Amino acid sequence: MKAPPAVTDQHQRTRRMNRRASVSWTVFARVRGQRLRFHTVDMSARGAKLRPRGDLQAGTSLTLQFVKPNGRPVRVSAMVWRVDADGLGVFFLGTTPDGLMG
């Protein structure tokens, strides 16, 4: 039996190892030859929440290009970690690039 969303969300927040920052950046994703556009809701050193949700499924690999306010693009490999009603949770693969969080 699946836990109610409020319980799941609270549990997810308590399991996070990295602090999340509320940011609103444009993000371009490359997946299966397509270029998709998203916006960040929040992010940490290990992942981000992106909107809109799109048609991606958990486990999908993608390359993200974050467009920071200073205009400098930052690329990172990621995987769709979960799909929520309000967006995608992505997990960064490998080492987080310099300049992504700073």
C-alpha atoms as a PDB file:
ATOM      1  CA  MET A   1       0.000   0.000   0.000  1.00  0.00           C
ATOM      2  CA  LYS A   2       1.377   3.411  -0.988  1.00  0.00           C
ATOM      3  CA  ALA A   3       1.828   6.088   1.684  1.00  0.00           C
ATOM      4  CA  PRO A   4      -0.221   9.289   1.361  1.00  0.00           C
ATOM      5  CA  PRO A   5       1.640  12.035  -0.569  1.00  0.00           C
ATOM      6  CA  ALA A   6       2.109  14.275   2.482  1.00  0.00           C
ATOM      7  CA  VAL A   7       3.832  11.466   4.376  1.00  0.00           C
ATOM      8  CA  THR A   8       5.991  10.555   1.390  1.00  0.00           C
ATOM      9  CA  ASP A   9       6.991  14.203   0.840  1.00  0.00           C
ATOM     10  CA  GLN A  10       7.916  14.650   4.507  1.00  0.00           C
ATOM     11  CA  HIS A  11       9.890  11.403   4.476  1.00  0.00           C
ATOM     12  CA  GLN A  12      11.725  12.501   1.326  1.00  0.00           C
ATOM     13  CA  ARG A  13      12.675  15.837   2.898  1.00  0.00           C
ATOM     14  CA  THR A  14      14.058  14.166   6.013  1.00  0.00           C
ATOM     15  CA  ARG A  15      16.212  11.779   3.922  1.00  0.00           C
ATOM     16  CA  ARG A  16      17.914  14.555   1.932  1.00  0.00           C
ATOM     17  CA  MET A  17      21.622  14.805   2.539  1.00  0.00           C
ATOM     18  CA  ASN A  18      22.138  18.136   0.766  1.00  0.00           C
ATOM     19  CA  ARG A  19      20.426  21.445   1.398  1.00  0.00           C
ATOM     20  CA  ARG A  20      18.217  22.698  -1.449  1.00  0.00           C
ATOM     21  CA  ALA A  21      18.240  26.256  -2.747  1.00  0.00           C
ATOM     22  CA  SER A  22      15.222  27.851  -4.424  1.00  0.00           C
ATOM     23  CA  VAL A  23      16.410  28.993  -7.846  1.00  0.00           C
ATOM     24  CA  SER A  24      14.651  29.752 -11.107  1.00  0.00           C
ATOM     25  CA  TRP A  25      16.986  29.005 -14.005  1.00  0.00           C
ATOM     26  CA  THR A  26      16.291  27.832 -17.531  1.00  0.00           C
ATOM     27  CA  VAL A  27      17.461  24.271 -18.167  1.00  0.00           C
ATOM     28  CA  PHE A  28      17.794  22.568 -21.535  1.00  0.00           C
ATOM     29  CA  ALA A  29      17.751  18.776 -21.568  1.00  0.00           C
ATOM     30  CA  ARG A  30      19.040  16.435 -24.267  1.00  0.00           C
ATOM     31  CA  VAL A  31      17.302  13.105 -24.237  1.00  0.00           C
ATOM     32  CA  ARG A  32      17.010  10.620 -27.096  1.00  0.00           C
ATOM     33  CA  GLY A  33      17.977  13.271 -29.639  1.00  0.00           C
ATOM     34  CA  GLN A  34      15.387  15.788 -28.445  1.00  0.00           C
ATOM     35  CA  ARG A  35      16.017  19.149 -26.830  1.00  0.00           C
ATOM     36  CA  LEU A  36      13.530  19.974 -24.067  1.00  0.00           C
ATOM     37  CA  ARG A  37      13.199  23.156 -22.004  1.00  0.00           C
ATOM     38  CA  PHE A  38      12.564  23.210 -18.249  1.00  0.00           C
ATOM     39  CA  HIS A  39      12.903  25.621 -15.320  1.00  0.00           C
ATOM     40  CA  THR A  40      14.375  24.805 -11.942  1.00  0.00           C
ATOM     41  CA  VAL A  41      12.210  24.904  -8.849  1.00  0.00           C
ATOM     42  CA  ASP A  42      15.066  24.158  -6.483  1.00  0.00           C
ATOM     43  CA  MET A  43      18.399  22.375  -6.516  1.00  0.00           C
ATOM     44  CA  SER A  44      21.181  20.950  -4.412  1.00  0.00           C
ATOM     45  CA  ALA A  45      24.685  19.702  -5.129  1.00  0.00           C
ATOM     46  CA  ARG A  46      23.237  16.274  -6.084  1.00  0.00           C
ATOM     47  CA  GLY A  47      19.990  17.044  -7.886  1.00  0.00           C
ATOM     48  CA  ALA A  48      17.196  19.395  -8.872  1.00  0.00           C
ATOM     49  CA  LYS A  49      13.446  19.705  -9.228  1.00  0.00           C
ATOM     50  CA  LEU A  50      12.405  20.743 -12.742  1.00  0.00           C
ATOM     51  CA  ARG A  51       9.130  21.973 -14.256  1.00  0.00           C
ATOM     52  CA  PRO A  52       7.165  21.198 -16.345  1.00  0.00           C
ATOM     53  CA  ARG A  53       6.940  17.476 -15.838  1.00  0.00           C
ATOM     54  CA  GLY A  54       7.274  16.439 -19.476  1.00  0.00           C
ATOM     55  CA  ASP A  55       6.870  12.892 -20.772  1.00  0.00           C
ATOM     56  CA  LEU A  56       9.982  11.419 -19.168  1.00  0.00           C
ATOM     57  CA  GLN A  57       9.965   8.374 -16.919  1.00  0.00           C
ATOM     58  CA  ALA A  58      12.015   7.572 -13.833  1.00  0.00           C
ATOM     59  CA  GLY A  59      15.345   6.062 -14.855  1.00  0.00           C
ATOM     60  CA  THR A  60      15.686   8.133 -18.053  1.00  0.00           C
ATOM     61  CA  SER A  61      19.252   9.400 -18.616  1.00  0.00           C
ATOM     62  CA  LEU A  62      19.679  12.932 -19.863  1.00  0.00           C
ATOM     63  CA  THR A  63      22.215  15.704 -20.274  1.00  0.00           C
ATOM     64  CA  LEU A  64      21.217  18.991 -18.665  1.00  0.00           C
ATOM     65  CA  GLN A  65      22.489  22.445 -19.525  1.00  0.00           C
ATOM     66  CA  PHE A  66      21.729  24.996 -16.809  1.00  0.00           C
ATOM     67  CA  VAL A  67      21.667  28.631 -17.923  1.00  0.00           C
ATOM     68  CA  LYS A  68      22.729  30.611 -14.874  1.00  0.00           C
ATOM     69  CA  PRO A  69      21.813  34.287 -14.382  1.00  0.00           C
ATOM     70  CA  ASN A  70      25.350  35.290 -15.399  1.00  0.00           C
ATOM     71  CA  GLY A  71      24.678  33.591 -18.761  1.00  0.00           C
ATOM     72  CA  ARG A  72      27.308  30.906 -18.242  1.00  0.00           C
ATOM     73  CA  PRO A  73      25.953  27.466 -19.207  1.00  0.00           C
ATOM     74  CA  VAL A  74      26.832  24.533 -16.969  1.00  0.00           C
ATOM     75  CA  ARG A  75      26.383  20.948 -18.220  1.00  0.00           C
ATOM     76  CA  VAL A  76      25.767  17.884 -16.114  1.00  0.00           C
ATOM     77  CA  SER A  77      24.700  14.289 -16.743  1.00  0.00           C
ATOM     78  CA  ALA A  78      21.606  13.292 -14.811  1.00  0.00           C
ATOM     79  CA  MET A  79      18.902  10.703 -14.396  1.00  0.00           C
ATOM     80  CA  VAL A  80      15.197  11.227 -13.771  1.00  0.00           C
ATOM     81  CA  TRP A  81      14.887  10.090 -10.169  1.00  0.00           C
ATOM     82  CA  ARG A  82      11.143  10.531  -9.765  1.00  0.00           C
ATOM     83  CA  VAL A  83       8.145  11.992 -11.560  1.00  0.00           C
ATOM     84  CA  ASP A  84       5.715  14.029  -9.449  1.00  0.00           C
ATOM     85  CA  ALA A  85       2.490  15.750 -10.397  1.00  0.00           C
ATOM     86  CA  ASP A  86       4.310  19.102 -10.277  1.00  0.00           C
ATOM     87  CA  GLY A  87       7.611  18.232 -11.956  1.00  0.00           C
ATOM     88  CA  LEU A  88      10.644  15.973 -12.274  1.00  0.00           C
ATOM     89  CA  GLY A  89      13.217  15.124  -9.642  1.00  0.00           C
ATOM     90  CA  VAL A  90      16.618  14.612 -11.283  1.00  0.00           C
ATOM     91  CA  PHE A  91      19.741  13.119  -9.724  1.00  0.00           C
ATOM     92  CA  PHE A  92      23.127  14.346 -10.970  1.00  0.00           C
ATOM     93  CA  LEU A  93      25.516  11.599 -12.077  1.00  0.00           C
ATOM     94  CA  GLY A  94      29.226  11.764 -11.356  1.00  0.00           C
ATOM     95  CA  THR A  95      30.871  14.825  -9.879  1.00  0.00           C
ATOM     96  CA  THR A  96      28.832  18.009  -9.764  1.00  0.00           C
ATOM     97  CA  PRO A  97      30.524  20.516 -12.099  1.00  0.00           C
ATOM     98  CA  ASP A  98      32.311  23.529 -10.670  1.00  0.00           C
ATOM     99  CA  GLY A  99      30.175  26.615 -10.897  1.00  0.00           C
ATOM    100  CA  LEU A 100      26.824  24.878 -10.726  1.00  0.00           C
ATOM    101  CA  MET A 101      26.038  25.824  -7.149  1.00  0.00           C
ATOM    102  CA  GLY A 102      28.332  28.844  -6.778  1.00  0.00           C
END
